[in-house]
């Protein structure tokens, strides 16, 4: 049997794919059960976090294992296999061990060095143990991964290279400024009471948030988290619990909202966020020009200076002779791009409109027809001189964007799939940070010097784990060999008693002990040496050689292995 991992993460797949492929707790249970029921796999464990989904298995065939695990991931994630396959990665044997150890140390995290992954690995192991899908290999692997992760954090400064996803998210909300200064005096709403939400609440409390309101579908869990926050000695914060039905009301009072639930749909829609900030900022919910405005032909006037723009500010756009629906969004209806490809008659009307207003207004002027004609020709000539030869497609004119108001509501979405509607970032007075924006921001984060030291630790631990597993692989064979030798000794002593019936107990015991010492000394050097050789790369064949040389019964070796597996399960931590 060999270790195999098939998965996808923020490094291999876009957030949109991870979001769709995320597994609910029930789906994870079914995935584990179906994996061990499949022919190639004997053990299975799933590591599912907000930015990775990985299936670990002990398989007897590589290609069949990859095909089966990939198919199972697709089935239980709801994403088609053809769509999912380009984003999947596969690690086998030592590379699979190296991958999990790197994950445990935070080297593969979105925020390098974060320590939350250790708790997630521990939870994954516990789930596999509860379902009895983890045998000796995965128990050893995950427990060693936890030890490696703890060693990396205790022996190096990897913590300085990264932080928790919560801390990194709060730093993004504060735009890289001091989180404590940004959080001081604010009111926070935390939606969810799981591990990530609890960490967010505790981090906010330590940062100086004045009030934390916890909302959760299970009200008792929200109450428990609020009680813990109120009793914390390292933070002065007022915490209270509310039911999920109160989220909309509490959002109108909050300055910061953090959401991380297991919901499959949106917890906060853009409409709910817009309602929460309505009245707190001018034109709340307008933010940037909406698609509806753009499709309706409502083109914002270009901001700028000069007499032409000042005069145009008083001109009704409805009187413009252009077909505004044909004007590309972002163009000024008075700019040169608006007249691209225009025929002469329409160009003349447009020039008049820009200069003085509508054609009707111009006709109402008490000027002579000759004077009007001269002015028309002059305006047309000026337009042509300015515009020149206009191609059908032009680069859009730069349009000054309206200054967005300062945020009054900061949103941090740490859920996968997302809890908060991505459209909320378009709302005026709202700043939204989600998993996708955190991934983009973390890509530019500098790596700490300690990362190299952690990589060396991982490499050493992978080698040690491989050696231990190879040595363990030959142990049942060695035990079977010693059992056979003990049986030979017992048989010969029995024959000796038949030949010497008058042998007293003292002499019988002495003879028995002497024979056992001779056998033990003969076997000691070969068995120790074969364990050493088996621990080296490529040493798996020594077990087969030992079985062949001593004609050991394969069933005896297998029974020793089963006994060890039973002992391993009996000592599983709970």
Protein backbone atom coordinates (compact mmCIF):
# COMPACT_ATOMS: atom_id res chain seq x y z
CA UNK A 1 0.00 0.00 0.00
CA UNK A 2 1.15 3.57 -0.74
CA UNK A 3 0.12 7.08 0.27
CA UNK A 4 -1.71 9.17 -2.33
CA UNK A 5 -3.22 12.66 -2.12
CA UNK A 6 -5.48 14.28 -4.72
CA UNK A 7 -6.71 17.81 -4.15
CA UNK A 8 -7.02 21.43 -5.15
CA UNK A 9 -6.14 24.64 -3.32
CA UNK A 10 -5.79 28.38 -3.74
CA UNK A 11 -2.51 27.70 -5.52
CA UNK A 12 -4.05 25.50 -8.22
CA UNK A 13 -7.60 26.80 -8.62
CA UNK A 14 -9.36 30.17 -8.69
CA UNK A 15 -11.53 31.07 -5.74
CA UNK A 16 -14.66 30.66 -7.86
CA UNK A 17 -13.84 26.97 -8.40
CA UNK A 18 -12.89 26.40 -4.75
CA UNK A 19 -16.15 28.01 -3.73
CA UNK A 20 -18.21 25.64 -5.87
CA UNK A 21 -16.16 22.59 -4.88
CA UNK A 22 -16.36 23.20 -1.12
CA UNK A 23 -17.59 20.22 0.91
CA UNK A 24 -20.19 20.40 3.64
CA UNK A 25 -19.56 18.32 6.81
CA UNK A 26 -22.06 15.70 5.61
CA UNK A 27 -20.40 15.56 2.20
CA UNK A 28 -17.02 15.01 3.85
CA UNK A 29 -18.38 12.06 5.83
CA UNK A 30 -19.89 10.49 2.72
CA UNK A 31 -16.68 11.08 0.77
CA UNK A 32 -14.61 9.24 3.40
CA UNK A 33 -17.03 6.32 3.51
CA UNK A 34 -17.15 5.99 -0.26
CA UNK A 35 -13.35 6.22 -0.53
CA UNK A 36 -12.62 3.30 1.80
CA UNK A 37 -15.40 1.34 0.09
CA UNK A 38 -13.61 1.78 -3.24
CA UNK A 39 -11.30 -1.00 -4.38
CA UNK A 40 -7.92 0.80 -4.49
CA UNK A 41 -8.13 2.48 -1.04
CA UNK A 42 -7.75 0.96 2.42
CA UNK A 43 -7.63 4.20 4.45
CA UNK A 44 -8.86 7.75 3.84
CA UNK A 45 -8.83 11.23 5.37
CA UNK A 46 -10.08 14.54 3.97
CA UNK A 47 -8.57 17.95 4.73
CA UNK A 48 -11.12 20.63 3.84
CA UNK A 49 -10.48 24.29 4.69
CA UNK A 50 -11.54 27.62 3.23
CA UNK A 51 -8.78 27.43 0.62
CA UNK A 52 -8.06 23.72 0.07
CA UNK A 53 -9.82 20.40 -0.43
CA UNK A 54 -7.54 17.35 -0.24
CA UNK A 55 -8.29 13.64 -0.11
CA UNK A 56 -5.57 11.39 1.40
CA UNK A 57 -5.69 7.63 0.93
CA UNK A 58 -3.61 4.50 1.30
CA UNK A 59 -3.92 2.80 -2.09
CA UNK A 60 -2.52 -0.36 -3.65
CA UNK A 61 -2.51 0.95 -7.24
CA UNK A 62 -1.36 4.42 -8.28
CA UNK A 63 -3.25 4.98 -11.55
CA UNK A 64 -6.43 3.34 -10.33
CA UNK A 65 -6.15 5.33 -7.11
CA UNK A 66 -5.79 8.66 -8.91
CA UNK A 67 -8.77 7.91 -11.13
CA UNK A 68 -10.96 6.78 -8.24
CA UNK A 69 -10.07 9.66 -5.89
CA UNK A 70 -10.53 12.27 -8.62
CA UNK A 71 -13.93 10.84 -9.53
CA UNK A 72 -15.04 10.79 -5.90
CA UNK A 73 -13.95 14.39 -5.36
CA UNK A 74 -15.92 15.47 -8.41
CA UNK A 75 -19.02 13.53 -7.36
CA UNK A 76 -19.14 14.88 -3.82
CA UNK A 77 -18.12 18.44 -4.67
CA UNK A 78 -20.75 18.79 -7.38
CA UNK A 79 -18.22 20.06 -9.93
CA UNK A 80 -17.94 17.97 -13.09
CA UNK A 81 -14.83 15.84 -13.43
CA UNK A 82 -13.81 17.42 -16.74
CA UNK A 83 -14.09 20.89 -15.24
CA UNK A 84 -12.36 19.93 -12.00
CA UNK A 85 -9.44 17.93 -13.45
CA UNK A 86 -7.32 20.90 -14.69
CA UNK A 87 -7.19 22.26 -11.14
CA UNK A 88 -6.31 19.00 -9.37
CA UNK A 89 -2.82 18.09 -8.17
CA UNK A 90 -1.52 14.66 -7.22
CA UNK A 91 1.25 13.72 -4.76
CA UNK A 92 2.44 10.17 -4.18
CA UNK A 93 4.42 8.47 -1.40
CA UNK A 94 7.27 10.73 -0.18
CA UNK A 95 5.93 13.72 -2.15
CA UNK A 96 2.56 13.29 -0.46
CA UNK A 97 4.26 13.25 2.94
CA UNK A 98 6.27 16.34 2.03
CA UNK A 99 3.10 18.11 0.93
CA UNK A 100 1.19 17.48 4.18
CA UNK A 101 4.18 18.45 6.34
CA UNK A 102 4.53 21.70 4.35
CA UNK A 103 0.84 22.38 4.81
CA UNK A 104 1.13 21.73 8.56
CA UNK A 105 3.97 24.24 8.84
CA UNK A 106 1.98 26.91 7.03
CA UNK A 107 4.27 26.94 3.98
CA UNK A 108 1.38 26.21 1.62
CA UNK A 109 -1.12 28.52 3.32
CA UNK A 110 -2.56 31.63 1.74
CA UNK A 111 -0.87 33.53 4.57
CA UNK A 112 2.54 31.86 4.95
CA UNK A 113 3.25 30.73 8.50
CA UNK A 114 -0.31 30.89 9.85
CA UNK A 115 -1.00 28.39 12.61
CA UNK A 116 -4.72 27.74 12.16
CA UNK A 117 -4.00 24.88 9.79
CA UNK A 118 -2.76 22.74 12.68
CA UNK A 119 -6.21 22.77 14.25
CA UNK A 120 -7.77 21.91 10.91
CA UNK A 121 -5.42 18.94 10.43
CA UNK A 122 -6.24 17.74 13.94
CA UNK A 123 -9.96 17.96 13.18
CA UNK A 124 -9.47 16.02 9.94
CA UNK A 125 -7.67 13.22 11.76
CA UNK A 126 -10.34 13.11 14.47
CA UNK A 127 -13.09 12.80 11.86
CA UNK A 128 -11.29 9.95 10.09
CA UNK A 129 -10.72 8.19 13.42
CA UNK A 130 -14.37 8.56 14.39
CA UNK A 131 -15.43 7.02 11.08
CA UNK A 132 -12.69 4.35 11.32
CA UNK A 133 -11.30 5.32 7.92
CA UNK A 134 -7.80 6.08 9.27
CA UNK A 135 -5.51 3.10 9.78
CA UNK A 136 -1.89 2.89 10.84
CA UNK A 137 -0.48 4.87 7.90
CA UNK A 138 -2.78 7.90 8.09
CA UNK A 139 -2.70 7.93 11.89
CA UNK A 140 1.07 8.02 11.82
CA UNK A 141 1.12 10.57 8.99
CA UNK A 142 -1.30 13.10 10.47
CA UNK A 143 0.06 12.81 14.01
CA UNK A 144 3.58 13.33 12.72
CA UNK A 145 2.38 16.29 10.63
CA UNK A 146 1.05 17.91 13.80
CA UNK A 147 4.39 17.37 15.54
CA UNK A 148 6.30 18.79 12.55
CA UNK A 149 4.06 21.85 12.46
CA UNK A 150 4.54 22.50 16.17
CA UNK A 151 8.30 22.03 15.80
CA UNK A 152 8.42 24.55 12.96
CA UNK A 153 6.60 27.16 15.02
CA UNK A 154 8.67 26.56 18.15
CA UNK A 155 12.14 26.32 16.57
CA UNK A 156 11.86 29.03 13.93
CA UNK A 157 10.38 32.47 13.45
CA UNK A 158 7.86 31.29 10.86
CA UNK A 159 5.19 33.12 12.90
CA UNK A 160 6.88 36.36 11.93
CA UNK A 161 6.50 35.49 8.27
CA UNK A 162 2.78 35.12 8.50
CA UNK A 163 -0.25 35.45 10.70
CA UNK A 164 -3.73 34.08 10.91
CA UNK A 165 -6.07 34.67 8.02
CA UNK A 166 -8.19 36.76 10.39
CA UNK A 167 -5.31 39.08 11.28
CA UNK A 168 -4.31 39.42 7.65
CA UNK A 169 -7.91 40.21 6.71
CA UNK A 170 -8.18 42.89 9.38
CA UNK A 171 -4.95 44.43 8.13
CA UNK A 172 -6.45 44.61 4.66
CA UNK A 173 -9.55 46.32 6.05
CA UNK A 174 -7.28 48.82 7.78
CA UNK A 175 -5.42 49.29 4.46
CA UNK A 176 -2.13 48.19 6.00
CA UNK A 177 -2.38 50.60 8.91
CA UNK A 178 -2.27 49.82 12.60
CA UNK A 179 -5.17 47.47 13.30
CA UNK A 180 -5.48 48.57 16.93
CA UNK A 181 -5.80 52.22 15.95
CA UNK A 182 -8.30 51.34 13.24
CA UNK A 183 -10.40 49.11 15.51
CA UNK A 184 -10.43 51.36 18.58
CA UNK A 185 -13.97 52.21 19.63
CA UNK A 186 -15.70 50.41 16.76
CA UNK A 187 -18.64 48.04 17.08
CA UNK A 188 -18.33 44.62 15.47
CA UNK A 189 -20.80 41.99 14.34
CA UNK A 190 -19.45 38.43 14.12
CA UNK A 191 -21.64 36.00 12.18
CA UNK A 192 -20.94 32.39 13.10
CA UNK A 193 -19.51 30.79 16.22
CA UNK A 194 -17.12 28.22 14.77
CA UNK A 195 -13.34 28.17 15.12
CA UNK A 196 -12.69 30.88 12.51
CA UNK A 197 -15.44 33.17 13.80
CA UNK A 198 -14.27 32.65 17.38
CA UNK A 199 -10.74 33.57 16.38
CA UNK A 200 -12.06 36.67 14.61
CA UNK A 201 -14.03 37.72 17.68
CA UNK A 202 -11.04 37.22 19.97
CA UNK A 203 -8.71 39.07 17.59
CA UNK A 204 -11.12 42.00 17.35
CA UNK A 205 -11.45 42.11 21.13
CA UNK A 206 -7.68 42.23 21.61
CA UNK A 207 -7.40 44.92 18.93
CA UNK A 208 -9.58 47.29 20.94
CA UNK A 209 -13.07 46.84 19.51
CA UNK A 210 -15.57 48.36 21.94
CA UNK A 211 -18.43 45.90 21.37
CA UNK A 212 -18.76 42.47 19.77
CA UNK A 213 -22.15 41.07 18.83
CA UNK A 214 -22.18 37.34 18.01
CA UNK A 215 -24.90 35.88 15.80
CA UNK A 216 -25.27 32.17 15.18
CA UNK A 217 -27.98 29.76 14.09
CA UNK A 218 -27.43 27.85 17.34
CA UNK A 219 -28.03 30.59 19.87
CA UNK A 220 -26.38 28.65 22.72
CA UNK A 221 -23.05 28.64 20.87
CA UNK A 222 -23.29 32.37 20.30
CA UNK A 223 -23.98 32.86 24.01
CA UNK A 224 -21.00 30.71 24.92
CA UNK A 225 -18.64 32.69 22.68
CA UNK A 226 -19.94 35.99 24.06
CA UNK A 227 -19.41 34.70 27.59
CA UNK A 228 -15.81 33.73 26.80
CA UNK A 229 -15.13 37.18 25.36
CA UNK A 230 -16.60 38.91 28.41
CA UNK A 231 -14.43 36.82 30.73
CA UNK A 232 -11.18 37.29 28.76
CA UNK A 233 -8.49 39.01 30.81
CA UNK A 234 -6.46 40.30 27.86
CA UNK A 235 -9.27 42.38 26.36
CA UNK A 236 -11.83 44.90 27.55
CA UNK A 237 -14.87 44.39 25.38
CA UNK A 238 -18.61 44.16 25.81
CA UNK A 239 -19.94 41.05 24.09
CA UNK A 240 -23.49 39.82 23.63
CA UNK A 241 -25.26 37.14 21.61
CA UNK A 242 -28.18 37.56 19.23
CA UNK A 243 -30.14 35.12 17.05
CA UNK A 244 -29.53 35.07 13.30
CA UNK A 245 -32.84 36.84 12.75
CA UNK A 246 -31.31 39.96 14.32
CA UNK A 247 -28.39 40.23 11.87
CA UNK A 248 -30.10 42.83 9.66
CA UNK A 249 -30.80 45.11 12.63
CA UNK A 250 -27.37 44.66 14.18
CA UNK A 251 -25.70 45.37 10.84
CA UNK A 252 -27.14 48.90 10.88
CA UNK A 253 -25.31 49.53 14.17
CA UNK A 254 -22.05 47.81 13.28
CA UNK A 255 -18.86 49.37 11.99
CA UNK A 256 -17.24 46.00 11.25
CA UNK A 257 -18.84 42.69 10.28
CA UNK A 258 -16.99 39.38 10.03
CA UNK A 259 -18.76 36.34 8.63
CA UNK A 260 -17.64 32.72 8.47
CA UNK A 261 -20.46 30.21 8.48
CA UNK A 262 -21.08 26.88 6.83
CA UNK A 263 -24.04 28.21 4.87
CA UNK A 264 -24.32 27.14 1.24
CA UNK A 265 -26.01 30.40 0.21
CA UNK A 266 -25.41 34.09 0.91
CA UNK A 267 -25.79 35.27 4.48
CA UNK A 268 -25.58 38.97 3.58
CA UNK A 269 -26.92 40.10 0.22
CA UNK A 270 -25.91 43.36 -1.42
CA UNK A 271 -29.43 44.65 -0.75
CA UNK A 272 -29.09 43.91 2.97
CA UNK A 273 -25.73 45.70 3.11
CA UNK A 274 -27.13 48.66 1.18
CA UNK A 275 -30.03 48.90 3.63
CA UNK A 276 -27.57 48.79 6.56
CA UNK A 277 -25.58 51.81 5.30
CA UNK A 278 -28.55 53.78 4.00
CA UNK A 279 -28.58 57.12 5.74
CA UNK A 280 -25.00 56.74 6.95
CA UNK A 281 -23.45 57.94 3.68
CA UNK A 282 -24.80 60.11 0.86
CA UNK A 283 -26.60 58.04 -1.78
CA UNK A 284 -25.83 54.79 0.03
CA UNK A 285 -25.87 51.89 -2.35
CA UNK A 286 -25.01 54.03 -5.39
CA UNK A 287 -21.23 53.67 -5.14
CA UNK A 288 -20.18 53.32 -8.73
CA UNK A 289 -22.56 53.65 -11.66
CA UNK A 290 -24.64 50.50 -11.78
CA UNK A 291 -25.02 48.34 -14.81
CA UNK A 292 -28.69 49.31 -14.90
CA UNK A 293 -27.74 52.97 -15.22
CA UNK A 294 -25.25 52.23 -17.95
CA UNK A 295 -27.67 50.10 -19.94
CA UNK A 296 -30.33 52.81 -19.61
CA UNK A 297 -27.97 55.28 -21.27
CA UNK A 298 -27.41 57.42 -18.18
CA UNK A 299 -23.87 58.54 -18.97
CA UNK A 300 -22.31 60.59 -16.19
CA UNK A 301 -21.01 63.97 -17.32
CA UNK A 302 -17.25 64.28 -17.42
CA UNK A 303 -15.83 66.29 -14.58
CA UNK A 304 -13.38 68.98 -15.49
CA UNK A 305 -12.83 72.71 -15.88
CA UNK A 306 -13.18 75.26 -18.65
CA UNK A 307 -16.00 77.34 -20.05
CA UNK A 308 -17.27 74.61 -22.35
CA UNK A 309 -17.71 72.18 -19.44
CA UNK A 310 -19.16 74.88 -17.20
CA UNK A 311 -21.73 75.78 -19.81
CA UNK A 312 -22.46 72.12 -20.50
CA UNK A 313 -23.23 71.55 -16.84
CA UNK A 314 -26.42 73.52 -17.36
CA UNK A 315 -27.44 71.72 -20.55
CA UNK A 316 -30.03 68.97 -20.35
CA UNK A 317 -28.59 65.78 -21.79
CA UNK A 318 -32.04 64.80 -22.99
CA UNK A 319 -31.75 67.59 -25.58
CA UNK A 320 -28.54 66.20 -27.04
CA UNK A 321 -29.05 65.18 -30.69
CA UNK A 322 -26.97 62.02 -30.17
CA UNK A 323 -28.41 58.57 -29.58
CA UNK A 324 -27.11 58.22 -26.04
CA UNK A 325 -27.77 54.48 -25.94
CA UNK A 326 -25.05 54.08 -28.59
CA UNK A 327 -22.47 56.02 -26.59
CA UNK A 328 -20.05 53.72 -24.76
CA UNK A 329 -20.19 53.92 -20.95
CA UNK A 330 -17.67 56.36 -19.52
CA UNK A 331 -17.63 58.69 -22.56
CA UNK A 332 -18.50 62.33 -22.22
CA UNK A 333 -21.36 63.22 -24.56
CA UNK A 334 -19.47 66.44 -25.25
CA UNK A 335 -16.09 64.79 -25.93
CA UNK A 336 -14.58 63.90 -29.27
CA UNK A 337 -15.27 60.19 -28.80
CA UNK A 338 -18.97 60.88 -28.75
CA UNK A 339 -18.87 62.16 -32.33
CA UNK A 340 -16.79 59.31 -33.75
CA UNK A 341 -18.17 58.24 -37.13
CA UNK A 342 -20.95 60.87 -37.05
CA UNK A 343 -22.44 62.10 -40.31
CA UNK A 344 -22.16 65.78 -41.23
CA UNK A 345 -25.74 66.76 -40.36
CA UNK A 346 -25.63 65.21 -36.91
CA UNK A 347 -22.14 66.63 -36.33
CA UNK A 348 -23.49 70.11 -37.07
CA UNK A 349 -26.35 69.67 -34.63
CA UNK A 350 -23.99 68.29 -31.98
CA UNK A 351 -21.64 71.26 -32.38
CA UNK A 352 -24.51 73.67 -31.92
CA UNK A 353 -25.75 71.82 -28.84
CA UNK A 354 -22.29 71.85 -27.23
CA UNK A 355 -21.80 75.53 -27.99
CA UNK A 356 -25.10 77.02 -26.92
CA UNK A 357 -27.62 74.36 -26.03
CA UNK A 358 -30.29 72.67 -28.09
CA UNK A 359 -31.19 73.50 -31.66
CA UNK A 360 -34.55 74.77 -30.47
CA UNK A 361 -32.86 77.13 -28.03
CA UNK A 362 -30.67 78.46 -30.81
CA UNK A 363 -33.66 79.15 -33.06
CA UNK A 364 -35.20 81.19 -30.29
CA UNK A 365 -32.17 83.50 -30.25
CA UNK A 366 -32.91 86.86 -31.79
CA UNK A 367 -29.98 86.78 -34.14
CA UNK A 368 -29.98 87.08 -37.86
CA UNK A 369 -29.90 83.96 -40.00
CA UNK A 370 -26.58 84.99 -41.52
CA UNK A 371 -25.01 85.44 -38.12
CA UNK A 372 -26.39 82.08 -37.06
CA UNK A 373 -25.02 80.40 -40.19
CA UNK A 374 -21.60 81.93 -39.63
CA UNK A 375 -21.57 80.71 -36.04
CA UNK A 376 -22.66 77.23 -37.12
CA UNK A 377 -19.89 77.03 -39.69
CA UNK A 378 -17.37 78.32 -37.17
CA UNK A 379 -18.43 75.76 -34.58
CA UNK A 380 -18.26 72.99 -37.16
CA UNK A 381 -14.82 74.09 -38.32
CA UNK A 382 -13.57 74.26 -34.74
CA UNK A 383 -14.88 70.76 -34.05
CA UNK A 384 -13.28 69.32 -37.18
CA UNK A 385 -9.97 71.08 -36.41
CA UNK A 386 -10.01 69.63 -32.90
CA UNK A 387 -11.20 66.14 -33.77
CA UNK A 388 -9.47 65.69 -37.11
CA UNK A 389 -9.95 62.39 -38.90
CA UNK A 390 -11.90 60.23 -36.52
CA UNK A 391 -11.71 56.42 -36.86
CA UNK A 392 -14.69 54.23 -36.05
CA UNK A 393 -13.08 53.00 -32.83
CA UNK A 394 -11.35 55.35 -30.46
CA UNK A 395 -9.65 54.96 -27.10
CA UNK A 396 -12.13 56.12 -24.43
CA UNK A 397 -11.47 59.53 -23.00
CA UNK A 398 -10.32 59.45 -19.39
CA UNK A 399 -13.23 60.18 -17.11
CA UNK A 400 -12.60 61.56 -13.67
CA UNK A 401 -14.20 59.21 -11.16
CA UNK A 402 -16.24 60.61 -8.37
CA UNK A 403 -14.48 60.37 -5.01
CA UNK A 404 -15.95 57.53 -2.98
CA UNK A 405 -16.88 58.38 0.58
CA UNK A 406 -14.89 56.89 3.45
CA UNK A 407 -16.19 53.46 4.48
CA UNK A 408 -18.69 53.38 7.32
CA UNK A 409 -19.06 49.58 7.20
CA UNK A 410 -16.11 47.19 6.91
CA UNK A 411 -16.93 43.62 5.84
CA UNK A 412 -14.61 40.60 6.19
CA UNK A 413 -15.85 37.40 4.53
CA UNK A 414 -13.79 34.36 5.54
CA UNK A 415 -16.28 31.72 4.39
CA UNK A 416 -16.01 29.29 1.50
CA UNK A 417 -18.39 29.42 -0.25
CA UNK A 418 -18.75 33.13 0.35
CA UNK A 419 -21.19 34.49 2.94
CA UNK A 420 -21.32 38.07 1.66
CA UNK A 421 -22.47 39.09 -1.81
CA UNK A 422 -19.41 40.21 -3.82
CA UNK A 423 -21.53 43.03 -5.27
CA UNK A 424 -21.40 44.75 -1.87
CA UNK A 425 -17.96 46.14 -2.74
CA UNK A 426 -19.66 48.46 -5.25
CA UNK A 427 -21.67 50.19 -2.54
CA UNK A 428 -20.63 53.62 -1.35
CA UNK A 429 -19.38 53.60 2.23
CA UNK A 430 -18.60 49.86 2.17
CA UNK A 431 -15.22 48.11 2.14
CA UNK A 432 -15.33 44.35 1.54
CA UNK A 433 -12.41 41.95 1.93
CA UNK A 434 -13.02 38.31 1.03
CA UNK A 435 -11.01 35.16 0.34
CA UNK A 436 -10.39 36.18 -3.27
CA UNK A 437 -8.98 39.61 -2.39
CA UNK A 438 -6.91 38.07 0.41
CA UNK A 439 -5.39 35.65 -2.11
CA UNK A 440 -4.40 38.54 -4.36
CA UNK A 441 -2.94 40.52 -1.48
CA UNK A 442 -1.00 37.58 -0.02
CA UNK A 443 0.66 36.91 -3.39
CA UNK A 444 2.70 40.08 -2.87
CA UNK A 445 3.54 39.41 0.79
CA UNK A 446 7.30 39.08 1.48
CA UNK A 447 8.70 35.75 2.60
CA UNK A 448 10.55 35.64 5.89
CA UNK A 449 14.11 34.31 6.16
CA UNK A 450 12.84 31.63 8.55
CA UNK A 451 10.91 29.98 5.74
CA UNK A 452 14.11 28.36 4.45
CA UNK A 453 14.78 26.92 7.88
CA UNK A 454 11.27 25.47 8.01
CA UNK A 455 11.80 23.90 4.59
CA UNK A 456 14.91 22.17 5.92
CA UNK A 457 12.92 20.89 8.89
CA UNK A 458 10.27 19.52 6.54
CA UNK A 459 12.87 17.78 4.39
CA UNK A 460 14.50 16.15 7.45
CA UNK A 461 11.14 15.07 8.86
CA UNK A 462 10.04 13.58 5.53
CA UNK A 463 13.21 11.49 5.38
CA UNK A 464 12.75 10.35 8.98
CA UNK A 465 9.09 9.47 8.42
CA UNK A 466 9.90 7.50 5.29
CA UNK A 467 12.61 5.57 7.10
CA UNK A 468 10.28 4.80 10.00
CA UNK A 469 7.54 3.60 7.65
CA UNK A 470 9.92 1.38 5.70
CA UNK A 471 11.29 -0.06 8.93
CA UNK A 472 7.76 -0.61 10.20
CA UNK A 473 6.95 -2.41 6.96
CA UNK A 474 9.51 -5.09 7.72
CA UNK A 475 8.64 -5.39 11.42
CA UNK A 476 5.83 -7.95 10.92
CA UNK A 477 8.26 -10.12 8.94
CA UNK A 478 10.88 -9.93 11.68
CA UNK A 479 8.25 -10.74 14.31
CA UNK A 480 7.10 -13.70 12.24
CA UNK A 481 10.71 -14.89 11.95
CA UNK A 482 11.23 -14.73 15.70
CA UNK A 483 7.90 -16.45 16.30
CA UNK A 484 8.98 -19.27 13.98
CA UNK A 485 12.32 -19.55 15.82
CA UNK A 486 10.53 -19.72 19.17
CA UNK A 487 8.30 -22.48 17.85
CA UNK A 488 11.37 -24.43 16.67
CA UNK A 489 12.96 -24.08 20.12
CA UNK A 490 9.77 -25.22 21.84
CA UNK A 491 9.51 -28.25 19.54
CA UNK A 492 13.09 -29.30 20.12
CA UNK A 493 12.76 -28.98 23.90
CA UNK A 494 9.64 -31.15 23.73
CA UNK A 495 11.55 -33.78 21.76
CA UNK A 496 14.40 -33.65 24.28
CA UNK A 497 11.97 -34.32 27.12
CA UNK A 498 10.73 -37.38 25.22
CA UNK A 499 14.26 -38.71 24.93
CA UNK A 500 15.23 -37.80 28.50
CA UNK A 501 12.10 -38.37 30.58
CA UNK A 502 14.05 -38.22 33.82
CA UNK A 503 15.27 -34.68 33.21
CA UNK A 504 14.52 -32.54 36.28
CA UNK A 505 13.00 -29.06 36.07
CA UNK A 506 16.25 -27.24 36.85
CA UNK A 507 18.19 -28.84 34.04
CA UNK A 508 15.25 -28.58 31.64
CA UNK A 509 15.03 -24.82 32.31
CA UNK A 510 18.76 -24.35 31.88
CA UNK A 511 18.79 -26.22 28.57
CA UNK A 512 15.77 -24.28 27.33
CA UNK A 513 17.35 -20.94 28.21
CA UNK A 514 20.62 -21.94 26.54
CA UNK A 515 18.92 -22.89 23.29
CA UNK A 516 16.92 -19.63 23.30
CA UNK A 517 20.11 -17.58 23.82
CA UNK A 518 21.78 -19.33 20.90
CA UNK A 519 18.79 -18.62 18.60
CA UNK A 520 18.52 -15.00 19.76
CA UNK A 521 22.21 -14.36 19.13
CA UNK A 522 22.01 -15.91 15.69
CA UNK A 523 19.00 -13.78 14.78
CA UNK A 524 20.03 -10.53 16.45
CA UNK A 525 22.54 -9.20 13.93
CA UNK A 526 20.54 -10.15 10.81
CA UNK A 527 17.26 -8.70 12.13
CA UNK A 528 18.85 -5.44 13.29
CA UNK A 529 20.70 -5.08 10.03
CA UNK A 530 17.65 -5.87 7.91
CA UNK A 531 15.68 -3.13 9.71
CA UNK A 532 18.46 -0.66 8.98
CA UNK A 533 18.58 -1.66 5.33
CA UNK A 534 14.80 -1.59 5.01
CA UNK A 535 14.71 2.00 6.36
CA UNK A 536 16.86 3.19 3.48
CA UNK A 537 15.30 4.26 0.17
CA UNK A 538 14.54 1.20 -1.92
CA UNK A 539 14.72 -1.09 1.10
CA UNK A 540 11.20 -2.47 0.80
CA UNK A 541 12.51 -5.60 -0.94
CA UNK A 542 14.31 -6.86 2.18
CA UNK A 543 11.05 -7.99 3.75
CA UNK A 544 10.33 -10.14 0.72
CA UNK A 545 13.86 -11.56 0.81
CA UNK A 546 13.51 -12.44 4.49
CA UNK A 547 10.21 -14.22 3.90
CA UNK A 548 11.72 -16.18 1.03
CA UNK A 549 14.96 -17.15 2.80
CA UNK A 550 13.20 -18.47 5.91
CA UNK A 551 10.11 -19.77 4.11
CA UNK A 552 7.83 -17.72 6.34
CA UNK A 553 4.10 -18.22 6.07
CA UNK A 554 2.57 -15.07 4.46
CA UNK A 555 -0.57 -15.49 6.58
CA UNK A 556 1.54 -15.40 9.74
CA UNK A 557 3.09 -12.11 8.62
CA UNK A 558 -0.34 -10.71 7.73
CA UNK A 559 -1.76 -11.70 11.10
CA UNK A 560 1.03 -9.80 12.84
CA UNK A 561 0.22 -6.74 10.72
CA UNK A 562 -3.49 -6.99 11.60
CA UNK A 563 -2.66 -7.29 15.28
CA UNK A 564 -0.53 -4.15 15.09
CA UNK A 565 -3.30 -2.25 13.30
CA UNK A 566 -5.78 -3.28 16.02
CA UNK A 567 -3.39 -2.07 18.69
CA UNK A 568 -2.94 1.20 16.80
CA UNK A 569 -6.69 1.85 16.68
CA UNK A 570 -7.07 1.04 20.37
CA UNK A 571 -4.58 3.76 21.30
CA UNK A 572 -6.14 6.45 19.09
CA UNK A 573 -6.58 9.71 21.03
CA UNK A 574 -10.13 10.84 21.65
